[in-house]
C-alpha atoms as a PDB file:
ATOM      1  CA  UNK A   1     117.367  54.079 252.691  1.00  0.00           C
ATOM      2  CA  UNK A   2     117.094  51.272 255.266  1.00  0.00           C
ATOM      3  CA  UNK A   3     120.777  50.547 255.254  1.00  0.00           C
ATOM      4  CA  UNK A   4     121.499  48.295 258.250  1.00  0.00           C
ATOM      5  CA  UNK A   5     124.648  47.894 260.430  1.00  0.00           C
ATOM      6  CA  UNK A   6     125.029  44.500 262.215  1.00  0.00           C
ATOM      7  CA  UNK A   7     125.554  44.544 265.955  1.00  0.00           C
ATOM      8  CA  UNK A   8     126.809  41.511 268.087  1.00  0.00           C
ATOM      9  CA  UNK A   9     124.246  43.131 271.055  1.00  0.00           C
ATOM     10  CA  UNK A  10     121.520  44.935 271.143  1.00  0.00           C
ATOM     11  CA  UNK A  11     122.475  48.819 272.040  1.00  0.00           C
ATOM     12  CA  UNK A  12     120.759  50.895 274.147  1.00  0.00           C
ATOM     13  CA  UNK A  13     119.388  53.666 272.359  1.00  0.00           C
ATOM     14  CA  UNK A  14     119.086  57.066 273.618  1.00  0.00           C
ATOM     15  CA  UNK A  15     120.195  60.757 272.872  1.00  0.00           C
ATOM     16  CA  UNK A  16     123.953  59.969 273.564  1.00  0.00           C
ATOM     17  CA  UNK A  17     124.072  56.379 272.407  1.00  0.00           C
ATOM     18  CA  UNK A  18     121.805  57.198 269.106  1.00  0.00           C
ATOM     19  CA  UNK A  19     124.599  56.714 266.279  1.00  0.00           C
ATOM     20  CA  UNK A  20     122.637  59.059 264.457  1.00  0.00           C
ATOM     21  CA  UNK A  21     123.957  62.088 266.761  1.00  0.00           C
ATOM     22  CA  UNK A  22     127.314  60.536 267.238  1.00  0.00           C
ATOM     23  CA  UNK A  23     127.841  61.175 263.256  1.00  0.00           C
ATOM     24  CA  UNK A  24     126.652  64.779 263.217  1.00  0.00           C
ATOM     25  CA  UNK A  25     130.233  65.992 264.290  1.00  0.00           C
ATOM     26  CA  UNK A  26     131.731  64.449 261.136  1.00  0.00           C
ATOM     27  CA  UNK A  27     128.961  64.695 258.830  1.00  0.00           C
ATOM     28  CA  UNK A  28     130.561  67.247 256.476  1.00  0.00           C
ATOM     29  CA  UNK A  29     133.856  67.351 254.468  1.00  0.00           C
ATOM     30  CA  UNK A  30     136.392  70.239 253.278  1.00  0.00           C
ATOM     31  CA  UNK A  31     135.664  71.204 250.210  1.00  0.00           C
ATOM     32  CA  UNK A  32     139.706  71.227 249.486  1.00  0.00           C
ATOM     33  CA  UNK A  33     139.779  67.420 250.245  1.00  0.00           C
ATOM     34  CA  UNK A  34     136.633  66.982 247.782  1.00  0.00           C
ATOM     35  CA  UNK A  35     138.547  69.259 244.657  1.00  0.00           C
ATOM     36  CA  UNK A  36     141.018  66.928 243.372  1.00  0.00           C
ATOM     37  CA  UNK A  37     142.475  68.439 240.306  1.00  0.00           C
ATOM     38  CA  UNK A  38     143.729  65.373 239.059  1.00  0.00           C
ATOM     39  CA  UNK A  39     140.500  63.539 239.479  1.00  0.00           C
ATOM     40  CA  UNK A  40     138.583  66.321 237.599  1.00  0.00           C
ATOM     41  CA  UNK A  41     141.210  66.395 235.095  1.00  0.00           C
ATOM     42  CA  UNK A  42     140.881  62.694 234.312  1.00  0.00           C
ATOM     43  CA  UNK A  43     136.966  63.259 233.399  1.00  0.00           C
ATOM     44  CA  UNK A  44     137.787  65.949 230.792  1.00  0.00           C
ATOM     45  CA  UNK A  45     137.113  63.575 227.437  1.00  0.00           C
ATOM     46  CA  UNK A  46     133.712  62.529 228.619  1.00  0.00           C
ATOM     47  CA  UNK A  47     130.429  64.329 228.014  1.00  0.00           C
ATOM     48  CA  UNK A  48     127.001  64.439 229.448  1.00  0.00           C
ATOM     49  CA  UNK A  49     125.172  65.284 226.177  1.00  0.00           C
ATOM     50  CA  UNK A  50     121.822  63.882 225.518  1.00  0.00           C
ATOM     51  CA  UNK A  51     119.989  63.462 222.414  1.00  0.00           C
ATOM     52  CA  UNK A  52     118.145  66.961 222.671  1.00  0.00           C
ATOM     53  CA  UNK A  53     118.042  69.494 225.251  1.00  0.00           C
ATOM     54  CA  UNK A  54     114.803  71.593 225.850  1.00  0.00           C
ATOM     55  CA  UNK A  55     114.455  75.477 223.979  1.00  0.00           C
ATOM     56  CA  UNK A  56     114.557  78.085 226.555  1.00  0.00           C
ATOM     57  CA  UNK A  57     118.074  78.033 227.883  1.00  0.00           C
ATOM     58  CA  UNK A  58     121.371  79.813 227.316  1.00  0.00           C
ATOM     59  CA  UNK A  59     123.287  79.178 224.384  1.00  0.00           C
ATOM     60  CA  UNK A  60     125.753  76.356 225.408  1.00  0.00           C
ATOM     61  CA  UNK A  61     126.914  72.736 223.933  1.00  0.00           C
ATOM     62  CA  UNK A  62     123.826  70.779 223.716  1.00  0.00           C
ATOM     63  CA  UNK A  63     121.419  70.224 220.771  1.00  0.00           C
ATOM     64  CA  UNK A  64     117.977  71.537 220.463  1.00  0.00           C
ATOM     65  CA  UNK A  65     114.905  71.706 217.968  1.00  0.00           C
ATOM     66  CA  UNK A  66     115.327  75.529 217.753  1.00  0.00           C
ATOM     67  CA  UNK A  67     116.660  76.870 214.563  1.00  0.00           C
ATOM     68  CA  UNK A  68     118.387  80.145 214.874  1.00  0.00           C
ATOM     69  CA  UNK A  69     121.734  81.239 216.335  1.00  0.00           C
ATOM     70  CA  UNK A  70     124.435  78.679 216.477  1.00  0.00           C
ATOM     71  CA  UNK A  71     127.610  77.279 214.469  1.00  0.00           C
ATOM     72  CA  UNK A  72     125.993  74.172 213.033  1.00  0.00           C
ATOM     73  CA  UNK A  73     124.367  74.551 209.902  1.00  0.00           C
ATOM     74  CA  UNK A  74     121.010  72.787 209.447  1.00  0.00           C
ATOM     75  CA  UNK A  75     118.979  73.590 206.494  1.00  0.00           C
ATOM     76  CA  UNK A  76     117.834  75.909 203.939  1.00  0.00           C
ATOM     77  CA  UNK A  77     114.535  77.802 204.031  1.00  0.00           C
ATOM     78  CA  UNK A  78     112.971  80.213 201.451  1.00  0.00           C
ATOM     79  CA  UNK A  79     113.785  83.745 202.292  1.00  0.00           C
ATOM     80  CA  UNK A  80     110.941  85.812 204.170  1.00  0.00           C
ATOM     81  CA  UNK A  81     110.613  89.356 204.774  1.00  0.00           C
ATOM     82  CA  UNK A  82     112.776  90.534 207.876  1.00  0.00           C
ATOM     83  CA  UNK A  83     115.200  87.821 207.746  1.00  0.00           C
ATOM     84  CA  UNK A  84     118.889  88.547 208.502  1.00  0.00           C
ATOM     85  CA  UNK A  85     120.169  89.374 204.831  1.00  0.00           C
ATOM     86  CA  UNK A  86     123.611  87.914 206.038  1.00  0.00           C
ATOM     87  CA  UNK A  87     121.933  84.469 206.031  1.00  0.00           C
ATOM     88  CA  UNK A  88     121.164  84.654 202.313  1.00  0.00           C
ATOM     89  CA  UNK A  89     123.028  82.154 200.533  1.00  0.00           C
ATOM     90  CA  UNK A  90     123.885  84.188 197.383  1.00  0.00           C
ATOM     91  CA  UNK A  91     125.445  80.954 195.773  1.00  0.00           C
ATOM     92  CA  UNK A  92     121.921  79.446 195.431  1.00  0.00           C
ATOM     93  CA  UNK A  93     120.511  82.739 194.344  1.00  0.00           C
ATOM     94  CA  UNK A  94     122.852  82.695 191.334  1.00  0.00           C
ATOM     95  CA  UNK A  95     122.106  79.077 190.464  1.00  0.00           C
ATOM     96  CA  UNK A  96     118.247  79.067 191.027  1.00  0.00           C
ATOM     97  CA  UNK A  97     117.431  82.863 190.860  1.00  0.00           C
ATOM     98  CA  UNK A  98     115.660  82.510 194.255  1.00  0.00           C
ATOM     99  CA  UNK A  99     116.487  83.774 197.476  1.00  0.00           C
ATOM    100  CA  UNK A 100     117.382  81.283 200.083  1.00  0.00           C
ATOM    101  CA  UNK A 101     118.504  81.638 203.854  1.00  0.00           C
ATOM    102  CA  UNK A 102     120.726  79.322 205.954  1.00  0.00           C
ATOM    103  CA  UNK A 103     119.387  78.056 209.222  1.00  0.00           C
ATOM    104  CA  UNK A 104     121.596  76.961 211.780  1.00  0.00           C
ATOM    105  CA  UNK A 105     120.940  74.518 214.524  1.00  0.00           C
ATOM    106  CA  UNK A 106     120.888  76.494 217.873  1.00  0.00           C
ATOM    107  CA  UNK A 107     122.324  74.630 220.909  1.00  0.00           C
ATOM    108  CA  UNK A 108     121.462  75.659 224.563  1.00  0.00           C
ATOM    109  CA  UNK A 109     122.374  74.730 228.065  1.00  0.00           C
ATOM    110  CA  UNK A 110     121.195  71.316 229.647  1.00  0.00           C
ATOM    111  CA  UNK A 111     120.100  71.692 233.213  1.00  0.00           C
ATOM    112  CA  UNK A 112     121.604  69.252 235.481  1.00  0.00           C
ATOM    113  CA  UNK A 113     119.933  68.483 238.490  1.00  0.00           C
ATOM    114  CA  UNK A 114     122.156  66.438 241.069  1.00  0.00           C
ATOM    115  CA  UNK A 115     119.546  64.689 243.462  1.00  0.00           C
ATOM    116  CA  UNK A 116     121.753  63.389 245.886  1.00  0.00           C
ATOM    117  CA  UNK A 117     120.675  60.886 248.968  1.00  0.00           C
ATOM    118  CA  UNK A 118     121.765  62.410 252.304  1.00  0.00           C
ATOM    119  CA  UNK A 119     119.756  59.887 254.413  1.00  0.00           C
ATOM    120  CA  UNK A 120     121.528  58.995 257.788  1.00  0.00           C
ATOM    121  CA  UNK A 121     122.461  55.836 256.483  1.00  0.00           C
ATOM    122  CA  UNK A 122     124.742  57.256 253.900  1.00  0.00           C
ATOM    123  CA  UNK A 123     127.176  58.246 256.453  1.00  0.00           C
ATOM    124  CA  UNK A 124     127.275  54.887 258.010  1.00  0.00           C
ATOM    125  CA  UNK A 125     129.709  52.288 257.670  1.00  0.00           C
ATOM    126  CA  UNK A 126     133.518  52.848 256.408  1.00  0.00           C
ATOM    127  CA  UNK A 127     134.349  54.013 254.072  1.00  0.00           C
ATOM    128  CA  UNK A 128     130.677  55.972 253.778  1.00  0.00           C
ATOM    129  CA  UNK A 129     128.560  56.126 250.884  1.00  0.00           C
ATOM    130  CA  UNK A 130     128.118  59.619 250.827  1.00  0.00           C
ATOM    131  CA  UNK A 131     131.840  60.486 250.341  1.00  0.00           C
ATOM    132  CA  UNK A 132     131.846  58.584 246.914  1.00  0.00           C
ATOM    133  CA  UNK A 133     128.281  60.094 246.449  1.00  0.00           C
ATOM    134  CA  UNK A 134     130.149  63.305 246.563  1.00  0.00           C
ATOM    135  CA  UNK A 135     132.921  62.419 244.299  1.00  0.00           C
ATOM    136  CA  UNK A 136     130.750  61.167 241.834  1.00  0.00           C
ATOM    137  CA  UNK A 137     128.437  64.250 241.990  1.00  0.00           C
ATOM    138  CA  UNK A 138     131.462  66.737 241.667  1.00  0.00           C
ATOM    139  CA  UNK A 139     132.735  64.970 238.792  1.00  0.00           C
ATOM    140  CA  UNK A 140     129.490  64.848 236.967  1.00  0.00           C
ATOM    141  CA  UNK A 141     129.280  68.431 237.833  1.00  0.00           C
ATOM    142  CA  UNK A 142     132.540  69.296 236.563  1.00  0.00           C
ATOM    143  CA  UNK A 143     131.535  67.525 232.910  1.00  0.00           C
ATOM    144  CA  UNK A 144     128.348  69.764 232.684  1.00  0.00           C
ATOM    145  CA  UNK A 145     130.019  72.783 233.432  1.00  0.00           C
ATOM    146  CA  UNK A 146     132.835  72.110 231.064  1.00  0.00           C
ATOM    147  CA  UNK A 147     129.714  72.111 228.511  1.00  0.00           C
ATOM    148  CA  UNK A 148     128.516  75.336 229.735  1.00  0.00           C
ATOM    149  CA  UNK A 149     125.577  73.658 231.386  1.00  0.00           C
ATOM    150  CA  UNK A 150     123.288  74.658 234.237  1.00  0.00           C
ATOM    151  CA  UNK A 151     124.336  72.243 237.508  1.00  0.00           C
ATOM    152  CA  UNK A 152     121.595  72.317 240.607  1.00  0.00           C
ATOM    153  CA  UNK A 153     122.350  70.428 243.995  1.00  0.00           C
ATOM    154  CA  UNK A 154     119.269  69.009 245.473  1.00  0.00           C
ATOM    155  CA  UNK A 155     119.853  67.126 248.506  1.00  0.00           C
ATOM    156  CA  UNK A 156     117.259  64.817 249.902  1.00  0.00           C
ATOM    157  CA  UNK A 157     116.087  62.470 252.725  1.00  0.00           C
ATOM    158  CA  UNK A 158     112.764  62.758 253.707  1.00  0.00           C
ATOM    159  CA  UNK A 159     112.282  65.810 251.878  1.00  0.00           C
ATOM    160  CA  UNK A 160     114.491  67.677 249.151  1.00  0.00           C
ATOM    161  CA  UNK A 161     116.200  71.075 249.308  1.00  0.00           C
ATOM    162  CA  UNK A 162     117.919  73.037 246.898  1.00  0.00           C
ATOM    163  CA  UNK A 163     121.323  74.109 248.136  1.00  0.00           C
ATOM    164  CA  UNK A 164     123.073  75.497 244.756  1.00  0.00           C
ATOM    165  CA  UNK A 165     120.941  76.515 241.773  1.00  0.00           C
ATOM    166  CA  UNK A 166     121.840  76.839 238.195  1.00  0.00           C
ATOM    167  CA  UNK A 167     125.334  77.695 238.289  1.00  0.00           C
ATOM    168  CA  UNK A 168     126.958  77.908 234.963  1.00  0.00           C
ATOM    169  CA  UNK A 169     130.493  77.762 233.493  1.00  0.00           C
ATOM    170  CA  UNK A 170     133.888  75.683 234.773  1.00  0.00           C
ATOM    171  CA  UNK A 171     134.970  78.427 236.899  1.00  0.00           C
ATOM    172  CA  UNK A 172     132.009  77.349 239.283  1.00  0.00           C
ATOM    173  CA  UNK A 173     133.343  73.789 239.734  1.00  0.00           C
ATOM    174  CA  UNK A 174     134.654  74.945 243.462  1.00  0.00           C
ATOM    175  CA  UNK A 175     131.223  76.399 244.378  1.00  0.00           C
ATOM    176  CA  UNK A 176     130.003  72.772 243.790  1.00  0.00           C
ATOM    177  CA  UNK A 177     132.753  71.445 245.545  1.00  0.00           C
ATOM    178  CA  UNK A 178     131.827  73.639 248.801  1.00  0.00           C
ATOM    179  CA  UNK A 179     128.172  73.013 248.436  1.00  0.00           C
ATOM    180  CA  UNK A 180     128.487  69.314 248.361  1.00  0.00           C
ATOM    181  CA  UNK A 181     131.011  69.500 251.014  1.00  0.00           C
ATOM    182  CA  UNK A 182     128.703  71.212 253.334  1.00  0.00           C
ATOM    183  CA  UNK A 183     125.893  68.641 253.057  1.00  0.00           C
ATOM    184  CA  UNK A 184     124.737  67.213 256.305  1.00  0.00           C
ATOM    185  CA  UNK A 185     122.755  64.251 257.160  1.00  0.00           C
ATOM    186  CA  UNK A 186     118.964  64.268 257.201  1.00  0.00           C
ATOM    187  CA  UNK A 187     116.421  61.775 258.315  1.00  0.00           C
ATOM    188  CA  UNK A 188     115.380  58.712 256.518  1.00  0.00           C
ATOM    189  CA  UNK A 189     114.800  58.009 252.903  1.00  0.00           C
ATOM    190  CA  UNK A 190     111.763  58.607 251.378  1.00  0.00           C
ATOM    191  CA  UNK A 191     112.868  58.591 247.594  1.00  0.00           C
ATOM    192  CA  UNK A 192     109.630  57.714 246.055  1.00  0.00           C
ATOM    193  CA  UNK A 193     107.902  60.509 247.899  1.00  0.00           C
ATOM    194  CA  UNK A 194     110.678  63.027 246.534  1.00  0.00           C
ATOM    195  CA  UNK A 195     110.513  61.655 242.925  1.00  0.00           C
ATOM    196  CA  UNK A 196     106.752  62.549 243.093  1.00  0.00           C
ATOM    197  CA  UNK A 197     107.467  66.115 244.518  1.00  0.00           C
ATOM    198  CA  UNK A 198     110.012  66.899 241.763  1.00  0.00           C
ATOM    199  CA  UNK A 199     107.403  65.472 238.950  1.00  0.00           C
ATOM    200  CA  UNK A 200     104.714  67.929 240.440  1.00  0.00           C
ATOM    201  CA  UNK A 201     107.231  70.663 239.933  1.00  0.00           C
ATOM    202  CA  UNK A 202     107.772  73.106 237.285  1.00  0.00           C
ATOM    203  CA  UNK A 203     111.402  72.317 236.488  1.00  0.00           C
ATOM    204  CA  UNK A 204     112.937  73.055 232.900  1.00  0.00           C
ATOM    205  CA  UNK A 205     113.278  69.819 231.324  1.00  0.00           C
ATOM    206  CA  UNK A 206     116.928  68.345 231.864  1.00  0.00           C
ATOM    207  CA  UNK A 207     118.920  65.677 233.070  1.00  0.00           C
ATOM    208  CA  UNK A 208     118.167  64.355 236.531  1.00  0.00           C
ATOM    209  CA  UNK A 209     120.894  62.485 238.330  1.00  0.00           C
ATOM    210  CA  UNK A 210     119.579  60.468 241.108  1.00  0.00           C
ATOM    211  CA  UNK A 211     122.825  59.355 243.450  1.00  0.00           C
ATOM    212  CA  UNK A 212     121.335  56.706 246.328  1.00  0.00           C
ATOM    213  CA  UNK A 213     121.128  53.400 246.837  1.00  0.00           C
ATOM    214  CA  UNK A 214     117.732  53.159 245.903  1.00  0.00           C
ATOM    215  CA  UNK A 215     116.558  51.807 249.166  1.00  0.00           C
ATOM    216  CA  UNK A 216     113.277  53.114 250.330  1.00  0.00           C
ATOM    217  CA  UNK A 217     110.429  52.240 252.606  1.00  0.00           C
ATOM    218  CA  UNK A 218     107.901  52.236 250.118  1.00  0.00           C
ATOM    219  CA  UNK A 219     109.889  49.882 248.066  1.00  0.00           C
ATOM    220  CA  UNK A 220     111.576  49.846 244.336  1.00  0.00           C
ATOM    221  CA  UNK A 221     108.036  49.585 242.696  1.00  0.00           C
ATOM    222  CA  UNK A 222     106.915  52.857 243.700  1.00  0.00           C
ATOM    223  CA  UNK A 223     110.341  54.403 243.462  1.00  0.00           C
ATOM    224  CA  UNK A 224     110.481  53.186 239.687  1.00  0.00           C
ATOM    225  CA  UNK A 225     106.682  54.067 238.949  1.00  0.00           C
ATOM    226  CA  UNK A 226     107.397  57.860 240.341  1.00  0.00           C
ATOM    227  CA  UNK A 227     110.741  57.764 238.040  1.00  0.00           C
ATOM    228  CA  UNK A 228     108.398  57.099 234.969  1.00  0.00           C
ATOM    229  CA  UNK A 229     106.255  59.909 235.359  1.00  0.00           C
ATOM    230  CA  UNK A 230     109.339  62.515 235.468  1.00  0.00           C
ATOM    231  CA  UNK A 231     109.809  64.514 232.136  1.00  0.00           C
ATOM    232  CA  UNK A 232     113.597  64.655 232.710  1.00  0.00           C
ATOM    233  CA  UNK A 233     116.390  62.082 231.323  1.00  0.00           C
ATOM    234  CA  UNK A 234     117.611  60.179 233.810  1.00  0.00           C
ATOM    235  CA  UNK A 235     121.162  59.035 235.102  1.00  0.00           C
ATOM    236  CA  UNK A 236     120.711  56.470 238.284  1.00  0.00           C
ATOM    237  CA  UNK A 237     123.912  56.366 240.097  1.00  0.00           C
ATOM    238  CA  UNK A 238     123.426  53.385 242.770  1.00  0.00           C
ATOM    239  CA  UNK A 239     125.666  53.592 245.630  1.00  0.00           C
ATOM    240  CA  UNK A 240     126.454  50.006 246.597  1.00  0.00           C
ATOM    241  CA  UNK A 241     129.113  48.001 248.898  1.00  0.00           C
ATOM    242  CA  UNK A 242     130.139  44.643 247.940  1.00  0.00           C
ATOM    243  CA  UNK A 243     128.546  42.941 250.960  1.00  0.00           C
ATOM    244  CA  UNK A 244     124.987  44.311 249.750  1.00  0.00           C
ATOM    245  CA  UNK A 245     125.187  41.325 247.228  1.00  0.00           C
ATOM    246  CA  UNK A 246     127.157  38.946 249.121  1.00  0.00           C
ATOM    247  CA  UNK A 247     126.810  39.172 253.167  1.00  0.00           C
ATOM    248  CA  UNK A 248     129.294  36.604 253.312  1.00  0.00           C
ATOM    249  CA  UNK A 249     132.035  39.253 252.752  1.00  0.00           C
ATOM    250  CA  UNK A 250     131.160  40.631 256.131  1.00  0.00           C
ATOM    251  CA  UNK A 251     133.065  38.550 258.880  1.00  0.00           C
ATOM    252  CA  UNK A 252     130.637  40.318 261.459  1.00  0.00           C
ATOM    253  CA  UNK A 253     127.459  38.224 260.068  1.00  0.00           C
ATOM    254  CA  UNK A 254     127.590  34.941 261.953  1.00  0.00           C
ATOM    255  CA  UNK A 255     125.698  33.348 264.792  1.00  0.00           C
ATOM    256  CA  UNK A 256     123.400  35.785 266.821  1.00  0.00           C
ATOM    257  CA  UNK A 257     123.262  39.453 265.783  1.00  0.00           C
ATOM    258  CA  UNK A 258     121.174  42.557 266.089  1.00  0.00           C
ATOM    259  CA  UNK A 259     120.089  44.103 262.833  1.00  0.00           C
ATOM    260  CA  UNK A 260     120.282  47.585 263.546  1.00  0.00           C
ATOM    261  CA  UNK A 261     118.485  50.147 261.009  1.00  0.00           C
ATOM    262  CA  UNK A 262     121.046  52.945 260.774  1.00  0.00           C
ATOM    263  CA  UNK A 263     118.587  55.669 259.918  1.00  0.00           C
ATOM    264  CA  UNK A 264     116.253  55.184 263.164  1.00  0.00           C
ATOM    265  CA  UNK A 265     118.348  53.062 265.386  1.00  0.00           C
ATOM    266  CA  UNK A 266     115.269  50.312 265.846  1.00  0.00           C
ATOM    267  CA  UNK A 267     117.093  46.933 266.125  1.00  0.00           C
ATOM    268  CA  UNK A 268     115.906  43.139 265.472  1.00  0.00           C
ATOM    269  CA  UNK A 269     117.663  40.171 266.876  1.00  0.00           C
ATOM    270  CA  UNK A 270     118.413  37.460 264.603  1.00  0.00           C
ATOM    271  CA  UNK A 271     120.449  34.348 264.448  1.00  0.00           C
ATOM    272  CA  UNK A 272     122.170  34.005 260.982  1.00  0.00           C
ATOM    273  CA  UNK A 273     121.206  31.012 258.978  1.00  0.00           C
ATOM    274  CA  UNK A 274     121.896  29.729 255.615  1.00  0.00           C
ATOM    275  CA  UNK A 275     117.975  29.923 254.846  1.00  0.00           C
ATOM    276  CA  UNK A 276     117.819  33.548 256.271  1.00  0.00           C
ATOM    277  CA  UNK A 277     120.820  34.406 253.803  1.00  0.00           C
ATOM    278  CA  UNK A 278     119.347  32.870 250.956  1.00  0.00           C
ATOM    279  CA  UNK A 279     115.872  34.660 251.661  1.00  0.00           C
ATOM    280  CA  UNK A 280     117.763  38.132 251.709  1.00  0.00           C
ATOM    281  CA  UNK A 281     119.596  37.407 248.782  1.00  0.00           C
ATOM    282  CA  UNK A 282     116.619  36.785 246.732  1.00  0.00           C
ATOM    283  CA  UNK A 283     114.909  39.663 247.781  1.00  0.00           C
ATOM    284  CA  UNK A 284     118.072  42.053 247.086  1.00  0.00           C
ATOM    285  CA  UNK A 285     118.303  40.079 243.410  1.00  0.00           C
ATOM    286  CA  UNK A 286     114.714  40.847 242.908  1.00  0.00           C
ATOM    287  CA  UNK A 287     115.146  44.628 243.655  1.00  0.00           C
ATOM    288  CA  UNK A 288     118.330  44.914 241.417  1.00  0.00           C
ATOM    289  CA  UNK A 289     116.481  43.270 238.745  1.00  0.00           C
ATOM    290  CA  UNK A 290     113.661  45.674 238.802  1.00  0.00           C
ATOM    291  CA  UNK A 291     116.100  48.497 238.625  1.00  0.00           C
ATOM    292  CA  UNK A 292     118.277  47.406 235.644  1.00  0.00           C
ATOM    293  CA  UNK A 293     115.051  46.500 234.110  1.00  0.00           C
ATOM    294  CA  UNK A 294     113.665  49.843 234.141  1.00  0.00           C
ATOM    295  CA  UNK A 295     117.043  51.436 233.200  1.00  0.00           C
ATOM    296  CA  UNK A 296     117.018  48.924 230.057  1.00  0.00           C
ATOM    297  CA  UNK A 297     113.547  49.651 229.174  1.00  0.00           C
ATOM    298  CA  UNK A 298     113.185  53.460 229.569  1.00  0.00           C
ATOM    299  CA  UNK A 299     116.625  54.362 227.984  1.00  0.00           C
ATOM    300  CA  UNK A 300     118.132  55.475 231.509  1.00  0.00           C
ATOM    301  CA  UNK A 301     121.762  55.296 232.254  1.00  0.00           C
ATOM    302  CA  UNK A 302     122.586  53.351 235.337  1.00  0.00           C
ATOM    303  CA  UNK A 303     126.104  53.771 236.682  1.00  0.00           C
ATOM    304  CA  UNK A 304     126.867  51.455 239.486  1.00  0.00           C
ATOM    305  CA  UNK A 305     129.568  52.834 242.042  1.00  0.00           C
ATOM    306  CA  UNK A 306     130.887  50.730 244.803  1.00  0.00           C
ATOM    307  CA  UNK A 307     131.712  53.174 247.686  1.00  0.00           C
ATOM    308  CA  UNK A 308     134.644  50.672 248.846  1.00  0.00           C
ATOM    309  CA  UNK A 309     136.612  50.954 245.141  1.00  0.00           C
ATOM    310  CA  UNK A 310     138.029  53.661 243.104  1.00  0.00           C
ATOM    311  CA  UNK A 311     135.390  56.026 242.013  1.00  0.00           C
ATOM    312  CA  UNK A 312     137.536  57.536 238.916  1.00  0.00           C
ATOM    313  CA  UNK A 313     137.965  53.869 237.660  1.00  0.00           C
ATOM    314  CA  UNK A 314     134.288  52.906 237.785  1.00  0.00           C
ATOM    315  CA  UNK A 315     133.160  56.212 236.216  1.00  0.00           C
ATOM    316  CA  UNK A 316     135.840  55.882 233.493  1.00  0.00           C
ATOM    317  CA  UNK A 317     134.440  52.418 232.717  1.00  0.00           C
ATOM    318  CA  UNK A 318     130.937  53.862 232.590  1.00  0.00           C
ATOM    319  CA  UNK A 319     131.526  56.582 230.055  1.00  0.00           C
ATOM    320  CA  UNK A 320     133.590  54.424 228.012  1.00  0.00           C
ATOM    321  CA  UNK A 321     130.947  51.807 228.011  1.00  0.00           C
ATOM    322  CA  UNK A 322     128.656  54.521 226.158  1.00  0.00           C
ATOM    323  CA  UNK A 323     125.730  54.085 228.698  1.00  0.00           C
ATOM    324  CA  UNK A 324     124.579  57.822 229.027  1.00  0.00           C
ATOM    325  CA  UNK A 325     121.090  58.106 228.778  1.00  0.00           C
ATOM    326  CA  UNK A 326     119.710  58.917 225.096  1.00  0.00           C
END
């Protein structure tokens, strides 16, 4: 993810001093701490429904183009041999002298894939981005499970894994919380590569939620290019900190510092100058602009979550603004 920590002096990097190893003991969490009934109840009024789910799943709350079972009337069609006699509209028969059957809109479950960044930099800083990311993931999973949709948890760093596959029903919220609490830091971030892997995978089309800060060594251009090839609807959850956009908010960013990569522990000595800060801001704004332009142009949902602020308030604002993918 190429998130950097600022150090006053260049650290000695070895097995004992490497901050990546220092994080391992506290990497996970407790499902009981993550599972917050009040937080989940506050999301009850929100929905992850999209315009149309793909056929081939369980009957649930998402609308599909299929015609068959379901409670929502869709149309009439002429009776054909073998049709269920219970679907004949006898009122029309009495009026027109012809047999018509009622056709209903079939509603099925929506596969919801939670692609959550577990690269080591997500575990750096205080508060950690991973903690807010877990909370967002559980909140979205709770909404999906209440709709009887199928939730899959896909942690990624330099590769992608499956820790929970296709669970369904609101009784499984605790299972999702446990899976999220057990996540451990991986390696560096290779989001663009992981996106290409997913694009080549035969997954039922659904809603792919990407939870990351979207910093990748390949650059945002390659990440966006990969996302354009996906068959899924997309909801992007950009994990940020206030000092990402305004380095002046970090009091350590003055004078001579060592910029240390939280994922590799490599460092580079720098002197913070106005020109250096201006160059950083130009690059960061260009990065954000490309991500936002992709979301706006491709009818993709984009939720920005500051890990240092209240997650519930930010999720509530997103849903209230009607910014889910169409």
